[in-house]
Protein backbone atom coordinates (compact mmCIF):
# COMPACT_ATOMS: atom_id res chain seq x y z
CA MET A 1 -46.59 142.31 5.87
CA SER A 2 -42.93 143.38 5.78
CA GLU A 3 -41.42 143.88 2.32
CA GLU A 4 -37.97 142.64 3.37
CA GLY A 5 -36.68 139.18 2.47
CA PRO A 6 -38.06 136.33 0.33
CA LEU A 7 -41.84 136.00 0.28
CA PRO A 8 -42.05 132.72 2.28
CA GLU A 9 -39.96 134.29 5.04
CA ARG A 10 -42.14 137.42 5.07
CA ILE A 11 -45.34 135.37 5.34
CA ALA A 12 -43.81 133.18 8.05
CA ARG A 13 -42.74 136.28 9.99
CA ALA A 14 -46.27 137.70 9.81
CA ILE A 15 -47.76 134.42 11.06
CA THR A 16 -45.21 134.17 13.86
CA LEU A 17 -46.01 137.69 15.03
CA ALA A 18 -49.81 137.63 14.73
CA GLY A 19 -50.87 134.00 14.42
CA PRO A 20 -52.38 132.06 11.49
CA ILE A 21 -53.64 134.20 8.61
CA PRO A 22 -56.75 133.73 6.44
CA LEU A 23 -56.26 131.68 3.30
CA SER A 24 -57.34 134.75 1.31
CA GLN A 25 -54.36 136.73 2.66
CA PHE A 26 -51.95 133.90 1.88
CA MET A 27 -53.34 133.50 -1.65
CA GLY A 28 -53.30 137.23 -2.30
CA ALA A 29 -49.67 137.62 -1.26
CA ALA A 30 -48.58 134.55 -3.21
CA ASN A 31 -50.29 135.57 -6.45
CA THR A 32 -49.20 139.20 -6.24
CA HIS A 33 -45.57 138.05 -6.10
CA TYR A 34 -46.06 135.32 -8.70
CA TYR A 35 -47.54 137.52 -11.42
CA ALA A 36 -45.19 140.44 -10.74
CA THR A 37 -42.06 138.38 -11.28
CA ARG A 38 -42.62 136.26 -14.42
CA ASP A 39 -44.45 135.50 -17.63
CA PRO A 40 -46.40 132.41 -16.52
CA LEU A 41 -47.78 131.47 -19.95
CA GLY A 42 -46.80 128.99 -22.62
CA THR A 43 -44.56 125.95 -22.76
CA ARG A 44 -41.81 127.69 -20.77
CA GLY A 45 -44.28 128.92 -18.17
CA ASP A 46 -46.74 127.18 -15.90
CA PHE A 47 -50.00 127.09 -17.86
CA THR A 48 -51.64 127.84 -21.22
CA THR A 49 -54.81 129.89 -21.69
CA ALA A 50 -57.36 129.75 -24.51
CA PRO A 51 -55.94 132.70 -26.52
CA GLU A 52 -52.54 130.97 -26.61
CA ILE A 53 -54.12 127.79 -27.99
CA SER A 54 -55.59 129.38 -31.11
CA GLN A 55 -56.25 132.74 -32.72
CA MET A 56 -59.86 131.59 -33.16
CA PHE A 57 -60.64 132.31 -29.53
CA GLY A 58 -59.70 135.99 -29.59
CA GLU A 59 -61.12 136.52 -33.06
CA LEU A 60 -64.54 135.21 -32.07
CA ILE A 61 -64.53 137.33 -28.91
CA GLY A 62 -63.70 140.38 -31.03
CA LEU A 63 -66.41 139.66 -33.57
CA ALA A 64 -68.96 139.13 -30.77
CA LEU A 65 -68.07 142.53 -29.28
CA ALA A 66 -68.18 144.20 -32.69
CA ASP A 67 -71.61 142.70 -33.36
CA LEU A 68 -72.85 143.91 -29.98
CA TRP A 69 -71.42 147.40 -30.60
CA ASP A 70 -73.08 147.50 -34.00
CA ARG A 71 -76.50 146.55 -32.60
CA ALA A 72 -76.05 149.11 -29.80
CA GLY A 73 -75.82 151.87 -32.41
CA ARG A 74 -72.04 152.00 -32.93
CA PRO A 75 -71.26 154.34 -30.02
CA ARG A 76 -67.73 155.56 -29.37
CA SER A 77 -66.41 152.88 -27.00
CA HIS A 78 -63.32 151.67 -25.15
CA TYR A 79 -61.95 148.12 -25.20
CA VAL A 80 -60.95 147.01 -21.69
CA GLU A 81 -59.31 143.74 -20.71
CA PHE A 82 -58.68 142.52 -17.17
CA GLY A 83 -55.54 140.43 -16.74
CA PRO A 84 -54.69 140.32 -20.46
CA GLY A 85 -51.75 137.92 -20.19
CA ARG A 86 -49.39 138.50 -23.10
CA GLY A 87 -51.98 140.57 -24.97
CA THR A 88 -52.68 137.70 -27.37
CA LEU A 89 -56.45 137.74 -26.92
CA ALA A 90 -56.57 141.51 -27.35
CA ALA A 91 -54.43 141.47 -30.51
CA ASP A 92 -56.63 138.81 -32.11
CA ALA A 93 -59.86 140.47 -30.95
CA LEU A 94 -58.82 143.93 -32.10
CA ARG A 95 -57.87 142.60 -35.54
CA ALA A 96 -61.31 141.01 -35.87
CA MET A 97 -63.04 144.16 -34.57
CA ALA A 98 -61.23 146.31 -37.11
CA SER A 99 -62.53 144.10 -39.91
CA ALA A 100 -66.02 145.01 -38.70
CA GLY A 101 -65.30 148.73 -38.44
CA LEU A 102 -64.61 148.93 -34.70
CA THR A 103 -61.23 150.40 -33.70
CA PRO A 104 -61.57 151.41 -30.02
CA PRO A 105 -58.90 152.76 -27.67
CA VAL A 106 -57.39 149.89 -25.66
CA HIS A 107 -57.05 149.76 -21.88
CA PHE A 108 -55.44 146.93 -19.92
CA VAL A 109 -56.01 146.42 -16.20
CA GLU A 110 -52.67 144.89 -15.27
CA ASN A 111 -50.22 145.30 -12.37
CA SER A 112 -47.37 143.03 -13.48
CA PRO A 113 -44.43 144.93 -15.06
CA VAL A 114 -43.30 141.71 -16.75
CA LEU A 115 -46.67 141.14 -18.41
CA ARG A 116 -47.09 144.83 -19.26
CA ALA A 117 -43.92 144.58 -21.33
CA GLU A 118 -45.32 141.57 -23.21
CA GLN A 119 -48.63 143.34 -23.74
CA ALA A 120 -46.88 146.42 -25.13
CA ARG A 121 -45.27 144.27 -27.79
CA ALA A 122 -48.60 142.71 -28.77
CA VAL A 123 -50.70 145.90 -28.60
CA PRO A 124 -48.33 148.90 -28.82
CA HIS A 125 -51.07 151.54 -28.53
CA ALA A 126 -52.56 150.16 -25.29
CA GLU A 127 -52.83 152.14 -22.08
CA TRP A 128 -52.64 150.62 -18.61
CA ALA A 129 -54.50 150.96 -15.33
CA ILE A 130 -54.00 149.15 -12.04
CA ASP A 131 -57.76 148.98 -11.35
CA LEU A 132 -61.10 150.30 -12.55
CA VAL A 133 -60.43 153.73 -11.09
CA GLY A 134 -57.90 154.38 -13.84
CA LEU A 135 -60.26 153.59 -16.69
CA PRO A 136 -61.88 156.33 -18.82
CA ASP A 137 -65.40 157.41 -17.87
CA ASP A 138 -66.43 159.19 -21.07
CA ALA A 139 -67.86 156.33 -23.20
CA PRO A 140 -69.22 152.78 -23.04
CA LEU A 141 -66.84 149.97 -22.09
CA LEU A 142 -66.41 146.67 -23.94
CA VAL A 143 -64.83 144.52 -21.25
CA VAL A 144 -63.21 141.09 -21.44
CA ALA A 145 -61.99 139.10 -18.43
CA ASN A 146 -60.56 135.72 -19.45
CA GLU A 147 -59.13 133.66 -16.59
CA PHE A 148 -59.02 136.71 -14.34
CA PHE A 149 -61.48 135.95 -11.54
CA ASP A 150 -60.04 132.49 -10.81
CA ALA A 151 -56.84 134.09 -9.47
CA LEU A 152 -58.59 136.45 -7.03
CA PRO A 153 -58.29 135.42 -3.38
CA ILE A 154 -60.88 133.15 -1.81
CA ARG A 155 -61.96 132.41 1.73
CA GLN A 156 -62.68 128.82 2.70
CA LEU A 157 -65.17 127.99 5.45
CA VAL A 158 -64.90 124.46 6.85
CA LYS A 159 -67.62 122.46 8.60
CA THR A 160 -66.26 121.03 11.85
CA ALA A 161 -67.86 119.10 14.69
CA GLU A 162 -68.35 122.46 16.43
CA GLY A 163 -69.81 124.22 13.36
CA TRP A 164 -68.48 126.34 10.50
CA ARG A 165 -65.01 127.83 10.91
CA GLU A 166 -62.57 129.63 8.58
CA ARG A 167 -59.56 127.86 7.08
CA LEU A 168 -56.38 129.68 8.06
CA VAL A 169 -52.73 129.17 7.17
CA ALA A 170 -50.19 128.41 9.89
CA CYS A 171 -46.49 127.69 9.58
CA GLN A 172 -43.58 125.82 11.11
CA ASP A 173 -40.44 127.67 10.02
CA THR A 174 -41.42 128.17 6.34
CA LEU A 175 -43.54 125.01 6.08
CA PHE A 176 -47.10 126.23 5.59
CA LEU A 177 -50.20 124.20 6.36
CA PRO A 178 -53.94 124.79 6.60
CA VAL A 179 -55.58 124.91 10.02
CA VAL A 180 -59.05 125.71 11.29
CA GLY A 181 -59.73 128.95 13.14
CA ASN A 182 -61.97 129.52 16.16
CA THR A 183 -64.32 132.25 14.91
CA VAL A 184 -67.90 131.06 14.41
CA PHE A 185 -69.28 131.54 10.88
CA ASP A 186 -72.53 129.56 11.13
CA PRO A 187 -74.80 132.66 10.91
CA ILE A 188 -73.54 133.59 7.43
CA ILE A 189 -73.69 130.09 5.93
CA PRO A 190 -76.57 129.67 3.41
CA PRO A 191 -79.35 127.62 5.06
CA GLU A 192 -79.04 124.78 2.55
CA PHE A 193 -75.41 124.17 3.60
CA ARG A 194 -75.56 124.60 7.38
CA ASP A 195 -76.11 120.91 8.05
CA ALA A 196 -73.46 119.71 5.60
CA PRO A 197 -71.27 116.85 6.87
CA ALA A 198 -68.07 117.56 8.76
CA GLY A 199 -65.17 118.32 6.44
CA SER A 200 -67.33 120.16 3.90
CA ILE A 201 -65.83 123.35 2.49
CA LEU A 202 -67.68 126.43 1.25
CA GLU A 203 -65.68 128.97 -0.78
CA THR A 204 -66.38 132.65 -1.13
CA SER A 205 -64.45 135.40 -2.91
CA PRO A 206 -65.20 138.87 -1.52
CA PRO A 207 -62.60 140.45 -3.88
CA SER A 208 -64.44 138.98 -6.88
CA VAL A 209 -67.73 140.48 -5.76
CA ALA A 210 -66.01 143.83 -5.09
CA VAL A 211 -64.57 143.91 -8.62
CA LEU A 212 -67.94 142.92 -10.05
CA ARG A 213 -69.73 145.71 -8.19
CA ALA A 214 -67.20 148.32 -9.28
CA LEU A 215 -67.52 147.13 -12.86
CA ALA A 216 -71.30 147.26 -12.61
CA ALA A 217 -71.17 150.88 -11.48
CA ARG A 218 -69.11 151.75 -14.57
CA LEU A 219 -71.37 149.91 -17.01
CA LEU A 220 -74.49 151.45 -15.50
CA ALA A 221 -73.02 154.96 -15.72
CA GLN A 222 -71.32 154.64 -19.12
CA GLY A 223 -73.05 151.80 -20.94
CA GLY A 224 -71.40 148.76 -22.43
CA ALA A 225 -70.93 145.09 -21.66
CA ALA A 226 -68.55 142.60 -20.11
CA LEU A 227 -67.67 139.04 -21.11
CA ILE A 228 -66.32 136.94 -18.24
CA ILE A 229 -64.76 133.60 -19.18
CA ASP A 230 -63.27 131.24 -16.63
CA TYR A 231 -63.44 127.76 -15.21
CA GLY A 232 -66.09 127.40 -12.57
CA TYR A 233 -69.60 126.42 -11.61
CA ALA A 234 -73.08 127.85 -11.24
CA GLY A 235 -72.84 128.02 -7.44
CA PRO A 236 -72.80 128.51 -4.60
CA ALA A 237 -71.83 124.91 -3.88
CA ILE A 238 -69.84 122.79 -1.46
CA GLY A 239 -66.32 121.80 -2.50
CA ASP A 240 -62.59 122.55 -2.21
CA THR A 241 -61.35 123.93 -5.55
CA LEU A 242 -58.11 125.62 -4.47
CA GLN A 243 -55.27 124.48 -6.70
CA ALA A 244 -51.71 125.34 -7.62
CA VAL A 245 -50.18 124.89 -11.07
CA ARG A 246 -46.43 124.87 -11.68
CA GLY A 247 -44.71 123.66 -14.82
CA HIS A 248 -48.05 122.55 -16.33
CA ALA A 249 -48.65 120.17 -13.39
CA TYR A 250 -50.60 120.39 -10.16
CA ALA A 251 -48.61 121.34 -7.08
CA ASN A 252 -49.16 121.75 -3.34
CA PRO A 253 -50.89 125.16 -2.87
CA PHE A 254 -49.12 125.67 0.45
CA GLU A 255 -45.59 124.94 -0.78
CA ASP A 256 -43.26 127.70 -2.02
CA PRO A 257 -45.79 130.58 -2.01
CA GLY A 258 -45.23 132.93 -4.91
CA GLU A 259 -43.72 130.24 -7.15
CA ALA A 260 -46.96 128.67 -8.43
CA ASP A 261 -50.24 129.99 -9.80
CA LEU A 262 -52.93 129.71 -7.09
CA THR A 263 -56.49 129.61 -8.39
CA ALA A 264 -59.99 128.48 -7.47
CA HIS A 265 -63.07 127.73 -9.51
CA VAL A 266 -65.26 130.77 -10.10
CA ASP A 267 -68.71 130.85 -8.53
CA PHE A 268 -70.64 132.20 -11.51
CA GLY A 269 -73.94 132.01 -9.67
CA THR A 270 -72.76 134.54 -7.10
CA LEU A 271 -71.31 136.84 -9.79
CA VAL A 272 -74.58 136.77 -11.75
CA GLU A 273 -76.63 137.49 -8.64
CA ALA A 274 -74.33 140.36 -7.63
CA ALA A 275 -74.59 141.85 -11.13
CA ARG A 276 -78.37 141.69 -11.08
CA VAL A 277 -78.56 143.23 -7.62
CA GLU A 278 -76.47 146.14 -8.92
CA GLY A 279 -78.86 146.64 -11.86
CA LEU A 280 -77.06 144.97 -14.77
CA VAL A 281 -78.62 142.43 -17.12
CA ALA A 282 -76.83 139.09 -16.74
CA HIS A 283 -76.74 136.41 -19.42
CA GLY A 284 -75.59 132.84 -18.79
CA PRO A 285 -73.58 131.08 -17.63
CA VAL A 286 -73.16 128.97 -20.75
CA THR A 287 -70.32 126.56 -21.37
CA GLN A 288 -67.33 127.79 -23.36
CA GLY A 289 -67.95 125.04 -25.89
CA ALA A 290 -71.54 126.10 -26.51
CA PHE A 291 -70.53 129.76 -26.60
CA LEU A 292 -67.80 129.29 -29.22
CA ASP A 293 -70.00 126.99 -31.26
CA ALA A 294 -72.72 129.65 -31.29
CA LEU A 295 -70.18 132.26 -32.42
CA GLY A 296 -69.13 130.11 -35.37
CA ILE A 297 -65.89 128.37 -34.42
CA ALA A 298 -66.63 125.51 -36.83
CA PRO A 299 -66.74 127.64 -40.00
CA ARG A 300 -63.80 129.72 -38.74
CA ALA A 301 -61.74 126.56 -38.22
CA ALA A 302 -62.72 125.32 -41.68
CA ALA A 303 -61.69 128.64 -43.25
CA LEU A 304 -58.31 128.60 -41.50
CA ALA A 305 -57.71 124.99 -42.54
CA LYS A 306 -58.57 125.80 -46.15
CA ALA A 307 -56.18 128.74 -46.15
CA SER A 308 -53.39 126.68 -44.53
CA PRO A 309 -53.91 122.99 -45.40
CA ASP A 310 -50.61 122.05 -43.77
CA ARG A 311 -52.05 123.26 -40.43
CA ALA A 312 -55.43 121.52 -40.72
CA ASP A 313 -54.68 118.92 -38.03
CA GLU A 314 -53.27 121.57 -35.67
CA ILE A 315 -56.39 123.72 -36.15
CA ALA A 316 -58.69 120.76 -35.50
CA VAL A 317 -56.82 119.89 -32.30
CA ALA A 318 -57.05 123.51 -31.12
CA ARG A 319 -60.79 123.63 -31.79
CA ASP A 320 -61.26 120.41 -29.81
CA ARG A 321 -59.23 121.79 -26.90
CA LEU A 322 -61.36 124.94 -26.79
CA THR A 323 -64.77 123.29 -27.19
CA GLY A 324 -64.51 119.60 -26.28
CA ASP A 325 -66.36 118.39 -23.18
CA GLU A 326 -63.24 116.55 -21.97
CA ALA A 327 -61.04 119.62 -22.53
CA MET A 328 -62.06 123.26 -21.88
CA GLY A 329 -65.51 123.19 -23.42
CA GLU A 330 -67.50 122.03 -20.40
CA LEU A 331 -65.46 123.18 -17.39
CA PHE A 332 -65.07 126.75 -18.64
CA LYS A 333 -68.14 128.97 -18.48
CA VAL A 334 -69.05 132.34 -19.97
CA ILE A 335 -71.35 135.07 -18.68
CA ALA A 336 -72.19 138.41 -20.24
CA LEU A 337 -73.15 141.48 -18.23
CA THR A 338 -74.76 144.39 -20.04
CA ALA A 339 -76.09 147.82 -19.25
CA PRO A 340 -79.91 147.69 -19.18
CA ASP A 341 -80.34 149.41 -22.55
CA TRP A 342 -77.77 147.29 -24.40
CA PRO A 343 -78.75 144.28 -26.56
CA THR A 344 -78.14 140.63 -25.70
CA PRO A 345 -74.66 139.56 -26.84
CA ALA A 346 -74.25 136.81 -29.41
CA GLY A 347 -73.90 133.36 -27.89
CA PHE A 348 -76.60 133.90 -25.26
CA ALA A 349 -79.80 133.47 -27.29
């Protein structure tokens, strides 16, 4: 795709020259531009993540990793975070880790220059990589990926009267719209979904599986563990989960590419199966609410409220947002992936 001109014009030019493009290509181009050009977080951005809601989230993640490290024999380790946002989770987690005696080197997998600048303010001693290739290979990795996989491109396969076809993106000028391609995909559809009614959509994310496999190779070679937290389901399953968020409200995913956050629910079942095939031990998925409860969010909230009585209501609201079934507690899931000789992380008993 040409690098000249505004993103919608570049995508439209590519479609005009070569025909409709896969949804995955459209989503990848849109999100690459979106994250490279802004800080999307907070009230002035488009959405808010768990670490921005309360320090409790990052602190409990840090304590869980420190506990795991301790039970693994306290090896020299590296802290790695994929898509670390403003660095808020890392700052809170590292503070909690230090209280338990763990002070690892910090590595962020991040491409956005805007977000790298924010992360440098939050964690001044961090180092950056654009992918797993740039990470150190000399010690176990303690990996966190919070709301990272949901932004990776997906493919959508649609059941039509003629069978399963891929959803593509076409355009009229710079008005983008989904269309159905002609290539037959029936042979790769899981048997339980082949006879689904017309209009059914099956989502896959080859980039997610590729990242998972590369991460598995590192954990198998070096040791360590990964915590993956995101909204999603224990799939595979039928359903259209593509969404766009702009200004804390849902938007049309096909309008103004590069100006909204495009995401899809994470298929945790596929990630777990891929991890096990590669040789990792997979734990979960469990709901975020159950996970944080098991890590002790209730006593942590009580301690914070006691230390700052004027913030007691704010702390209670934050805890409910993180753990409540009607908020993030049920929709968000957590899995842990560990090297075969590492213990089971806390929260997955």
